[in-house]
């Protein structure tokens, strides 16, 4: 009887082990009764602070049974032909400066095909209340009701600046002409503000057409891009609120008038900002 009981216990243990991922490799952990944050961190071999930041935990950091924790682990990326730091930062939603630092490379130097990069963990964006913006009123976007819930951004987007749209969005269709966002005219030096809260994942010189550029990651693979700036007033990796100033209107890149080139992207795919922005105020 004792031998049979031992076998049953051993079998049960094996089933539990098979069902639960190894603590050293799991990327998500379901808290069990009696577990503590320090215990989870030790078994996962991940610094306690990284788990706190990745899950937005608040003091005193008590865990509850059944709670799901993201276990942040570094990822690897091999640079493909034609890729840029600008695009990789957008793809992973991680500041390029953080990727460069983790990979031990100069963030200002171009990357090369075949180069191995380390993608560090991205901590959660700040959840502070959105600041008021001096741009268009935050009324519902005209097409919001037509957008499936799963495809809506984490929060409503606001206009980055108040001004006339010089050039509209034009979707990519084959090899024809396209325009990935809106070109919004404004007075040189006017503030360009973030459409929503998030984290700056790129702040610097973008591709030639873009010039001085800021990209903000809003969670859920959503980003907004602000290009042709005259001046950038935020830093790579900075957490920002909705309506916070990112830079100033200018004429960098291919701009021939003071403007901001503005894009909304999900999974790096450019979307029509008109589907997500409120109706603009009359100038």
C-alpha atoms as a PDB file:
ATOM      1  CA  UNK A   1       0.000   0.000   0.000  1.00  0.00           C
ATOM      2  CA  UNK A   2       2.789   2.363   0.952  1.00  0.00           C
ATOM      3  CA  UNK A   3       4.610   1.667  -2.316  1.00  0.00           C
ATOM      4  CA  UNK A   4       1.438   2.310  -4.303  1.00  0.00           C
ATOM      5  CA  UNK A   5       0.806   5.571  -2.442  1.00  0.00           C
ATOM      6  CA  UNK A   6       4.368   6.687  -3.121  1.00  0.00           C
ATOM      7  CA  UNK A   7       3.934   5.942  -6.814  1.00  0.00           C
ATOM      8  CA  UNK A   8       0.684   7.920  -6.921  1.00  0.00           C
ATOM      9  CA  UNK A   9       2.328  10.881  -5.206  1.00  0.00           C
ATOM     10  CA  UNK A  10       5.273  10.732  -7.580  1.00  0.00           C
ATOM     11  CA  UNK A  11       2.917  10.622 -10.565  1.00  0.00           C
ATOM     12  CA  UNK A  12       0.964  13.611  -9.268  1.00  0.00           C
ATOM     13  CA  UNK A  13       4.197  15.541  -8.803  1.00  0.00           C
ATOM     14  CA  UNK A  14       5.219  14.751 -12.368  1.00  0.00           C
ATOM     15  CA  UNK A  15       1.844  15.962 -13.674  1.00  0.00           C
ATOM     16  CA  UNK A  16       2.175  19.227 -11.753  1.00  0.00           C
ATOM     17  CA  UNK A  17       5.718  19.683 -13.028  1.00  0.00           C
ATOM     18  CA  UNK A  18       4.576  19.071 -16.589  1.00  0.00           C
ATOM     19  CA  UNK A  19       1.696  21.508 -16.238  1.00  0.00           C
ATOM     20  CA  UNK A  20       3.730  24.303 -14.661  1.00  0.00           C
ATOM     21  CA  UNK A  21       6.495  25.943 -16.723  1.00  0.00           C
ATOM     22  CA  UNK A  22       9.991  25.911 -15.277  1.00  0.00           C
ATOM     23  CA  UNK A  23      10.500  28.930 -12.977  1.00  0.00           C
ATOM     24  CA  UNK A  24      13.725  29.830 -14.781  1.00  0.00           C
ATOM     25  CA  UNK A  25      12.083  30.072 -18.189  1.00  0.00           C
ATOM     26  CA  UNK A  26       8.432  31.066 -17.623  1.00  0.00           C
ATOM     27  CA  UNK A  27       7.327  34.460 -18.909  1.00  0.00           C
ATOM     28  CA  UNK A  28       4.036  34.471 -16.982  1.00  0.00           C
ATOM     29  CA  UNK A  29       3.533  33.227 -13.447  1.00  0.00           C
ATOM     30  CA  UNK A  30       0.243  32.500 -11.659  1.00  0.00           C
ATOM     31  CA  UNK A  31       0.670  33.188  -7.964  1.00  0.00           C
ATOM     32  CA  UNK A  32       0.115  30.184  -5.695  1.00  0.00           C
ATOM     33  CA  UNK A  33      -1.080  30.297  -2.061  1.00  0.00           C
ATOM     34  CA  UNK A  34       1.612  31.605   0.265  1.00  0.00           C
ATOM     35  CA  UNK A  35       3.939  32.892  -2.461  1.00  0.00           C
ATOM     36  CA  UNK A  36       5.786  36.172  -2.003  1.00  0.00           C
ATOM     37  CA  UNK A  37       7.310  38.516  -4.542  1.00  0.00           C
ATOM     38  CA  UNK A  38      10.818  37.775  -3.315  1.00  0.00           C
ATOM     39  CA  UNK A  39      10.196  34.044  -3.578  1.00  0.00           C
ATOM     40  CA  UNK A  40       8.876  34.334  -7.150  1.00  0.00           C
ATOM     41  CA  UNK A  41      11.844  36.525  -8.128  1.00  0.00           C
ATOM     42  CA  UNK A  42      14.355  34.108  -6.628  1.00  0.00           C
ATOM     43  CA  UNK A  43      12.885  31.056  -8.349  1.00  0.00           C
ATOM     44  CA  UNK A  44      12.569  32.875 -11.673  1.00  0.00           C
ATOM     45  CA  UNK A  45      16.088  34.289 -11.301  1.00  0.00           C
ATOM     46  CA  UNK A  46      14.810  37.714 -12.335  1.00  0.00           C
ATOM     47  CA  UNK A  47      15.505  40.844 -10.231  1.00  0.00           C
ATOM     48  CA  UNK A  48      12.585  41.730  -7.964  1.00  0.00           C
ATOM     49  CA  UNK A  49      12.619  45.324  -9.210  1.00  0.00           C
ATOM     50  CA  UNK A  50      12.070  44.251 -12.835  1.00  0.00           C
ATOM     51  CA  UNK A  51       9.004  42.223 -11.859  1.00  0.00           C
ATOM     52  CA  UNK A  52       7.659  45.214  -9.897  1.00  0.00           C
ATOM     53  CA  UNK A  53       8.141  47.560 -12.861  1.00  0.00           C
ATOM     54  CA  UNK A  54       6.869  45.142 -15.511  1.00  0.00           C
ATOM     55  CA  UNK A  55       3.621  44.580 -13.588  1.00  0.00           C
ATOM     56  CA  UNK A  56       3.128  48.088 -12.206  1.00  0.00           C
ATOM     57  CA  UNK A  57       3.058  46.745  -8.626  1.00  0.00           C
ATOM     58  CA  UNK A  58       2.633  49.148  -5.715  1.00  0.00           C
ATOM     59  CA  UNK A  59       3.956  48.905  -2.185  1.00  0.00           C
ATOM     60  CA  UNK A  60       3.835  46.856  -0.032  1.00  0.00           C
ATOM     61  CA  UNK A  61       4.001  44.429  -3.013  1.00  0.00           C
ATOM     62  CA  UNK A  62       1.709  41.777  -1.557  1.00  0.00           C
ATOM     63  CA  UNK A  63       0.630  39.084  -4.007  1.00  0.00           C
ATOM     64  CA  UNK A  64      -2.781  37.415  -4.168  1.00  0.00           C
ATOM     65  CA  UNK A  65      -3.496  33.822  -5.089  1.00  0.00           C
ATOM     66  CA  UNK A  66      -4.318  33.489  -8.791  1.00  0.00           C
ATOM     67  CA  UNK A  67      -2.685  36.801  -9.694  1.00  0.00           C
ATOM     68  CA  UNK A  68      -0.881  36.697 -13.046  1.00  0.00           C
ATOM     69  CA  UNK A  69       2.596  38.206 -13.129  1.00  0.00           C
ATOM     70  CA  UNK A  70       4.631  39.010 -16.221  1.00  0.00           C
ATOM     71  CA  UNK A  71       8.128  37.637 -15.744  1.00  0.00           C
ATOM     72  CA  UNK A  72      10.312  39.976 -17.817  1.00  0.00           C
ATOM     73  CA  UNK A  73      13.041  38.247 -19.771  1.00  0.00           C
ATOM     74  CA  UNK A  74      15.362  39.638 -22.364  1.00  0.00           C
ATOM     75  CA  UNK A  75      14.724  38.844 -26.012  1.00  0.00           C
ATOM     76  CA  UNK A  76      17.160  38.572 -28.899  1.00  0.00           C
ATOM     77  CA  UNK A  77      16.823  40.126 -32.340  1.00  0.00           C
ATOM     78  CA  UNK A  78      18.978  39.570 -35.405  1.00  0.00           C
ATOM     79  CA  UNK A  79      19.022  42.593 -37.683  1.00  0.00           C
ATOM     80  CA  UNK A  80      17.600  41.913 -41.131  1.00  0.00           C
ATOM     81  CA  UNK A  81      18.586  43.631 -44.363  1.00  0.00           C
ATOM     82  CA  UNK A  82      17.104  47.130 -44.511  1.00  0.00           C
ATOM     83  CA  UNK A  83      16.118  47.344 -40.837  1.00  0.00           C
ATOM     84  CA  UNK A  84      16.845  50.479 -38.817  1.00  0.00           C
ATOM     85  CA  UNK A  85      16.930  51.292 -35.125  1.00  0.00           C
ATOM     86  CA  UNK A  86      13.943  53.538 -35.775  1.00  0.00           C
ATOM     87  CA  UNK A  87      11.865  50.612 -37.051  1.00  0.00           C
ATOM     88  CA  UNK A  88      13.073  48.074 -34.471  1.00  0.00           C
ATOM     89  CA  UNK A  89      12.161  50.413 -31.605  1.00  0.00           C
ATOM     90  CA  UNK A  90       8.699  50.854 -33.124  1.00  0.00           C
ATOM     91  CA  UNK A  91       8.275  47.100 -33.641  1.00  0.00           C
ATOM     92  CA  UNK A  92       9.117  46.107 -30.064  1.00  0.00           C
ATOM     93  CA  UNK A  93       7.775  49.220 -28.334  1.00  0.00           C
ATOM     94  CA  UNK A  94      11.115  49.640 -26.561  1.00  0.00           C
ATOM     95  CA  UNK A  95      13.264  52.813 -26.597  1.00  0.00           C
ATOM     96  CA  UNK A  96      16.106  52.547 -29.102  1.00  0.00           C
ATOM     97  CA  UNK A  97      18.505  53.967 -26.504  1.00  0.00           C
ATOM     98  CA  UNK A  98      17.593  51.063 -24.172  1.00  0.00           C
ATOM     99  CA  UNK A  99      18.108  48.491 -26.942  1.00  0.00           C
ATOM    100  CA  UNK A 100      21.470  50.046 -27.841  1.00  0.00           C
ATOM    101  CA  UNK A 101      22.578  50.136 -24.191  1.00  0.00           C
ATOM    102  CA  UNK A 102      21.575  46.493 -23.603  1.00  0.00           C
ATOM    103  CA  UNK A 103      23.366  45.484 -26.815  1.00  0.00           C
ATOM    104  CA  UNK A 104      26.511  47.485 -26.029  1.00  0.00           C
ATOM    105  CA  UNK A 105      26.369  49.616 -29.186  1.00  0.00           C
ATOM    106  CA  UNK A 106      26.382  53.334 -29.969  1.00  0.00           C
ATOM    107  CA  UNK A 107      22.733  54.410 -30.492  1.00  0.00           C
ATOM    108  CA  UNK A 108      23.849  57.058 -33.000  1.00  0.00           C
ATOM    109  CA  UNK A 109      25.635  54.622 -35.307  1.00  0.00           C
ATOM    110  CA  UNK A 110      23.804  52.661 -38.040  1.00  0.00           C
ATOM    111  CA  UNK A 111      23.134  48.972 -37.494  1.00  0.00           C
ATOM    112  CA  UNK A 112      24.119  46.254 -39.952  1.00  0.00           C
ATOM    113  CA  UNK A 113      22.468  43.121 -41.280  1.00  0.00           C
ATOM    114  CA  UNK A 114      23.180  40.073 -39.103  1.00  0.00           C
ATOM    115  CA  UNK A 115      23.952  42.135 -36.019  1.00  0.00           C
ATOM    116  CA  UNK A 116      22.661  40.588 -32.769  1.00  0.00           C
ATOM    117  CA  UNK A 117      20.625  42.895 -30.542  1.00  0.00           C
ATOM    118  CA  UNK A 118      19.306  42.440 -27.014  1.00  0.00           C
ATOM    119  CA  UNK A 119      15.750  43.693 -26.495  1.00  0.00           C
ATOM    120  CA  UNK A 120      15.355  44.606 -22.828  1.00  0.00           C
ATOM    121  CA  UNK A 121      12.105  44.446 -20.904  1.00  0.00           C
ATOM    122  CA  UNK A 122       9.709  47.328 -21.418  1.00  0.00           C
ATOM    123  CA  UNK A 123       8.172  48.564 -18.167  1.00  0.00           C
ATOM    124  CA  UNK A 124       4.559  49.654 -18.009  1.00  0.00           C
ATOM    125  CA  UNK A 125       3.709  53.229 -18.965  1.00  0.00           C
ATOM    126  CA  UNK A 126       2.691  55.656 -16.243  1.00  0.00           C
ATOM    127  CA  UNK A 127      -0.983  55.668 -15.384  1.00  0.00           C
ATOM    128  CA  UNK A 128      -1.218  59.276 -14.245  1.00  0.00           C
ATOM    129  CA  UNK A 129      -4.380  61.188 -15.165  1.00  0.00           C
ATOM    130  CA  UNK A 130      -4.285  62.704 -18.642  1.00  0.00           C
ATOM    131  CA  UNK A 131      -3.369  66.386 -18.758  1.00  0.00           C
ATOM    132  CA  UNK A 132      -5.590  68.871 -20.549  1.00  0.00           C
ATOM    133  CA  UNK A 133      -4.571  69.712 -24.083  1.00  0.00           C
ATOM    134  CA  UNK A 134      -4.951  72.967 -25.959  1.00  0.00           C
ATOM    135  CA  UNK A 135      -5.825  71.212 -29.215  1.00  0.00           C
ATOM    136  CA  UNK A 136      -9.073  69.773 -30.514  1.00  0.00           C
ATOM    137  CA  UNK A 137     -11.834  68.861 -28.063  1.00  0.00           C
ATOM    138  CA  UNK A 138     -11.737  65.246 -26.886  1.00  0.00           C
ATOM    139  CA  UNK A 139     -15.166  64.351 -28.248  1.00  0.00           C
ATOM    140  CA  UNK A 140     -15.719  60.836 -29.648  1.00  0.00           C
ATOM    141  CA  UNK A 141     -13.903  60.088 -32.891  1.00  0.00           C
ATOM    142  CA  UNK A 142     -16.328  60.114 -35.824  1.00  0.00           C
ATOM    143  CA  UNK A 143     -15.672  56.506 -36.816  1.00  0.00           C
ATOM    144  CA  UNK A 144     -15.057  55.089 -33.329  1.00  0.00           C
ATOM    145  CA  UNK A 145     -18.335  53.140 -33.227  1.00  0.00           C
ATOM    146  CA  UNK A 146     -17.386  51.364 -36.452  1.00  0.00           C
ATOM    147  CA  UNK A 147     -14.043  50.164 -35.069  1.00  0.00           C
ATOM    148  CA  UNK A 148     -14.181  46.689 -33.433  1.00  0.00           C
ATOM    149  CA  UNK A 149     -13.410  46.809 -29.719  1.00  0.00           C
ATOM    150  CA  UNK A 150     -10.315  44.612 -30.105  1.00  0.00           C
ATOM    151  CA  UNK A 151      -8.865  47.092 -32.608  1.00  0.00           C
ATOM    152  CA  UNK A 152      -9.392  50.236 -30.559  1.00  0.00           C
ATOM    153  CA  UNK A 153      -6.446  51.986 -28.883  1.00  0.00           C
ATOM    154  CA  UNK A 154      -6.028  51.882 -25.074  1.00  0.00           C
ATOM    155  CA  UNK A 155      -7.544  55.383 -24.832  1.00  0.00           C
ATOM    156  CA  UNK A 156      -8.929  58.102 -27.098  1.00  0.00           C
ATOM    157  CA  UNK A 157      -6.338  59.983 -29.135  1.00  0.00           C
ATOM    158  CA  UNK A 158      -6.148  63.791 -29.228  1.00  0.00           C
ATOM    159  CA  UNK A 159      -4.853  66.095 -31.922  1.00  0.00           C
ATOM    160  CA  UNK A 160      -1.130  66.835 -31.499  1.00  0.00           C
ATOM    161  CA  UNK A 161      -1.597  70.450 -32.560  1.00  0.00           C
ATOM    162  CA  UNK A 162      -4.412  72.717 -33.694  1.00  0.00           C
ATOM    163  CA  UNK A 163      -4.082  73.586 -37.373  1.00  0.00           C
ATOM    164  CA  UNK A 164      -5.133  72.980 -40.951  1.00  0.00           C
ATOM    165  CA  UNK A 165      -4.490  69.552 -42.456  1.00  0.00           C
ATOM    166  CA  UNK A 166      -2.341  70.199 -45.512  1.00  0.00           C
ATOM    167  CA  UNK A 167      -2.175  66.582 -46.649  1.00  0.00           C
ATOM    168  CA  UNK A 168      -4.461  63.685 -45.684  1.00  0.00           C
ATOM    169  CA  UNK A 169      -3.760  60.025 -45.078  1.00  0.00           C
ATOM    170  CA  UNK A 170      -3.547  57.841 -48.193  1.00  0.00           C
ATOM    171  CA  UNK A 171      -3.422  54.065 -47.712  1.00  0.00           C
ATOM    172  CA  UNK A 172      -0.717  51.980 -49.350  1.00  0.00           C
ATOM    173  CA  UNK A 173      -2.029  50.088 -52.376  1.00  0.00           C
ATOM    174  CA  UNK A 174       0.564  48.190 -54.331  1.00  0.00           C
ATOM    175  CA  UNK A 175       3.280  50.444 -55.717  1.00  0.00           C
ATOM    176  CA  UNK A 176       1.073  53.519 -55.980  1.00  0.00           C
ATOM    177  CA  UNK A 177       1.337  56.787 -54.091  1.00  0.00           C
ATOM    178  CA  UNK A 178       0.698  56.722 -50.349  1.00  0.00           C
ATOM    179  CA  UNK A 179       0.887  58.941 -47.262  1.00  0.00           C
ATOM    180  CA  UNK A 180       1.149  57.240 -43.859  1.00  0.00           C
ATOM    181  CA  UNK A 181      -0.346  60.077 -41.801  1.00  0.00           C
ATOM    182  CA  UNK A 182      -1.469  63.700 -41.714  1.00  0.00           C
ATOM    183  CA  UNK A 183       0.583  66.822 -42.368  1.00  0.00           C
ATOM    184  CA  UNK A 184      -0.823  69.478 -40.026  1.00  0.00           C
ATOM    185  CA  UNK A 185       0.185  73.114 -40.542  1.00  0.00           C
ATOM    186  CA  UNK A 186       0.879  75.300 -37.515  1.00  0.00           C
ATOM    187  CA  UNK A 187       2.937  78.272 -36.454  1.00  0.00           C
ATOM    188  CA  UNK A 188       6.673  77.629 -36.194  1.00  0.00           C
ATOM    189  CA  UNK A 189       7.602  77.081 -32.556  1.00  0.00           C
ATOM    190  CA  UNK A 190       4.094  76.005 -31.479  1.00  0.00           C
ATOM    191  CA  UNK A 191       3.984  73.078 -29.053  1.00  0.00           C
ATOM    192  CA  UNK A 192       3.393  69.582 -30.432  1.00  0.00           C
ATOM    193  CA  UNK A 193       1.660  67.460 -27.791  1.00  0.00           C
ATOM    194  CA  UNK A 194       1.268  63.736 -27.206  1.00  0.00           C
ATOM    195  CA  UNK A 195      -2.064  62.275 -28.316  1.00  0.00           C
ATOM    196  CA  UNK A 196      -2.201  59.960 -25.288  1.00  0.00           C
ATOM    197  CA  UNK A 197      -0.132  58.820 -22.336  1.00  0.00           C
ATOM    198  CA  UNK A 198       2.734  56.455 -23.053  1.00  0.00           C
ATOM    199  CA  UNK A 199       6.494  56.048 -23.281  1.00  0.00           C
ATOM    200  CA  UNK A 200       8.836  57.760 -25.723  1.00  0.00           C
ATOM    201  CA  UNK A 201      10.560  55.000 -27.685  1.00  0.00           C
ATOM    202  CA  UNK A 202      12.364  57.233 -30.184  1.00  0.00           C
ATOM    203  CA  UNK A 203      13.451  60.864 -29.922  1.00  0.00           C
ATOM    204  CA  UNK A 204      15.962  62.083 -32.467  1.00  0.00           C
ATOM    205  CA  UNK A 205      16.806  62.231 -36.144  1.00  0.00           C
ATOM    206  CA  UNK A 206      14.549  59.849 -38.052  1.00  0.00           C
ATOM    207  CA  UNK A 207      14.633  58.832 -41.728  1.00  0.00           C
ATOM    208  CA  UNK A 208      15.456  61.665 -44.199  1.00  0.00           C
ATOM    209  CA  UNK A 209      11.794  62.478 -44.936  1.00  0.00           C
ATOM    210  CA  UNK A 210      10.896  62.592 -41.254  1.00  0.00           C
ATOM    211  CA  UNK A 211      13.668  64.760 -39.833  1.00  0.00           C
ATOM    212  CA  UNK A 212      13.423  65.393 -36.095  1.00  0.00           C
ATOM    213  CA  UNK A 213      11.021  62.710 -34.858  1.00  0.00           C
ATOM    214  CA  UNK A 214       9.370  61.476 -31.672  1.00  0.00           C
ATOM    215  CA  UNK A 215       7.569  58.116 -31.416  1.00  0.00           C
ATOM    216  CA  UNK A 216       5.368  57.344 -28.423  1.00  0.00           C
ATOM    217  CA  UNK A 217       4.330  53.795 -27.486  1.00  0.00           C
ATOM    218  CA  UNK A 218       0.857  53.609 -25.920  1.00  0.00           C
ATOM    219  CA  UNK A 219       0.616  49.902 -25.113  1.00  0.00           C
ATOM    220  CA  UNK A 220      -1.021  47.124 -27.072  1.00  0.00           C
ATOM    221  CA  UNK A 221       1.351  47.680 -30.022  1.00  0.00           C
ATOM    222  CA  UNK A 222      -0.076  51.180 -30.599  1.00  0.00           C
ATOM    223  CA  UNK A 223       2.267  54.050 -31.448  1.00  0.00           C
ATOM    224  CA  UNK A 224       1.972  57.648 -32.577  1.00  0.00           C
ATOM    225  CA  UNK A 225       4.673  59.421 -34.582  1.00  0.00           C
ATOM    226  CA  UNK A 226       5.432  63.163 -34.659  1.00  0.00           C
ATOM    227  CA  UNK A 227       7.883  64.172 -37.410  1.00  0.00           C
ATOM    228  CA  UNK A 228       9.250  67.291 -39.170  1.00  0.00           C
ATOM    229  CA  UNK A 229       9.770  68.877 -35.738  1.00  0.00           C
ATOM    230  CA  UNK A 230      11.903  71.945 -35.248  1.00  0.00           C
ATOM    231  CA  UNK A 231      12.882  70.940 -31.719  1.00  0.00           C
ATOM    232  CA  UNK A 232      12.440  67.863 -29.506  1.00  0.00           C
ATOM    233  CA  UNK A 233      11.696  68.474 -25.814  1.00  0.00           C
ATOM    234  CA  UNK A 234      11.480  64.887 -24.486  1.00  0.00           C
ATOM    235  CA  UNK A 235      14.020  62.107 -24.084  1.00  0.00           C
ATOM    236  CA  UNK A 236      14.105  58.528 -25.270  1.00  0.00           C
ATOM    237  CA  UNK A 237      12.499  56.307 -22.607  1.00  0.00           C
ATOM    238  CA  UNK A 238      10.585  59.131 -20.903  1.00  0.00           C
ATOM    239  CA  UNK A 239       7.066  58.392 -19.624  1.00  0.00           C
ATOM    240  CA  UNK A 240       4.595  61.097 -20.593  1.00  0.00           C
ATOM    241  CA  UNK A 241       0.977  62.138 -20.089  1.00  0.00           C
ATOM    242  CA  UNK A 242      -1.653  62.893 -22.711  1.00  0.00           C
ATOM    243  CA  UNK A 243      -1.264  66.476 -23.859  1.00  0.00           C
ATOM    244  CA  UNK A 244       2.349  66.736 -22.695  1.00  0.00           C
ATOM    245  CA  UNK A 245       4.672  68.662 -25.002  1.00  0.00           C
ATOM    246  CA  UNK A 246       6.960  66.504 -27.121  1.00  0.00           C
ATOM    247  CA  UNK A 247       8.564  69.186 -29.241  1.00  0.00           C
ATOM    248  CA  UNK A 248       7.968  72.274 -31.341  1.00  0.00           C
ATOM    249  CA  UNK A 249       6.674  72.841 -34.861  1.00  0.00           C
ATOM    250  CA  UNK A 250       9.446  73.168 -37.423  1.00  0.00           C
ATOM    251  CA  UNK A 251      10.532  72.293 -40.945  1.00  0.00           C
ATOM    252  CA  UNK A 252      12.951  69.384 -40.608  1.00  0.00           C
ATOM    253  CA  UNK A 253      13.017  66.444 -43.004  1.00  0.00           C
ATOM    254  CA  UNK A 254      11.078  67.048 -46.211  1.00  0.00           C
ATOM    255  CA  UNK A 255       8.804  69.764 -44.759  1.00  0.00           C
ATOM    256  CA  UNK A 256       8.535  72.953 -46.822  1.00  0.00           C
ATOM    257  CA  UNK A 257       6.197  74.703 -44.392  1.00  0.00           C
ATOM    258  CA  UNK A 258       6.037  74.687 -40.581  1.00  0.00           C
ATOM    259  CA  UNK A 259       4.107  71.495 -39.832  1.00  0.00           C
ATOM    260  CA  UNK A 260       3.992  68.202 -37.962  1.00  0.00           C
ATOM    261  CA  UNK A 261       3.718  64.904 -39.803  1.00  0.00           C
ATOM    262  CA  UNK A 262       1.511  62.770 -37.564  1.00  0.00           C
ATOM    263  CA  UNK A 263       0.923  59.014 -37.715  1.00  0.00           C
ATOM    264  CA  UNK A 264      -1.077  56.422 -35.786  1.00  0.00           C
ATOM    265  CA  UNK A 265       0.177  52.852 -36.097  1.00  0.00           C
ATOM    266  CA  UNK A 266      -0.800  49.454 -34.715  1.00  0.00           C
ATOM    267  CA  UNK A 267       1.637  46.585 -35.184  1.00  0.00           C
ATOM    268  CA  UNK A 268       3.674  49.034 -37.303  1.00  0.00           C
ATOM    269  CA  UNK A 269       0.793  49.340 -39.802  1.00  0.00           C
ATOM    270  CA  UNK A 270      -0.169  52.937 -40.576  1.00  0.00           C
ATOM    271  CA  UNK A 271      -3.849  53.683 -39.903  1.00  0.00           C
ATOM    272  CA  UNK A 272      -5.989  56.631 -40.954  1.00  0.00           C
ATOM    273  CA  UNK A 273      -5.792  59.106 -38.029  1.00  0.00           C
ATOM    274  CA  UNK A 274      -9.204  60.431 -39.075  1.00  0.00           C
ATOM    275  CA  UNK A 275     -10.749  57.206 -37.769  1.00  0.00           C
ATOM    276  CA  UNK A 276      -9.354  57.781 -34.280  1.00  0.00           C
ATOM    277  CA  UNK A 277      -9.222  61.538 -33.720  1.00  0.00           C
ATOM    278  CA  UNK A 278     -12.110  63.751 -32.606  1.00  0.00           C
ATOM    279  CA  UNK A 279     -13.620  66.276 -34.995  1.00  0.00           C
ATOM    280  CA  UNK A 280     -11.165  69.204 -35.278  1.00  0.00           C
ATOM    281  CA  UNK A 281     -12.105  72.617 -33.938  1.00  0.00           C
ATOM    282  CA  UNK A 282     -12.756  75.369 -36.476  1.00  0.00           C
ATOM    283  CA  UNK A 283      -9.766  77.688 -36.795  1.00  0.00           C
END
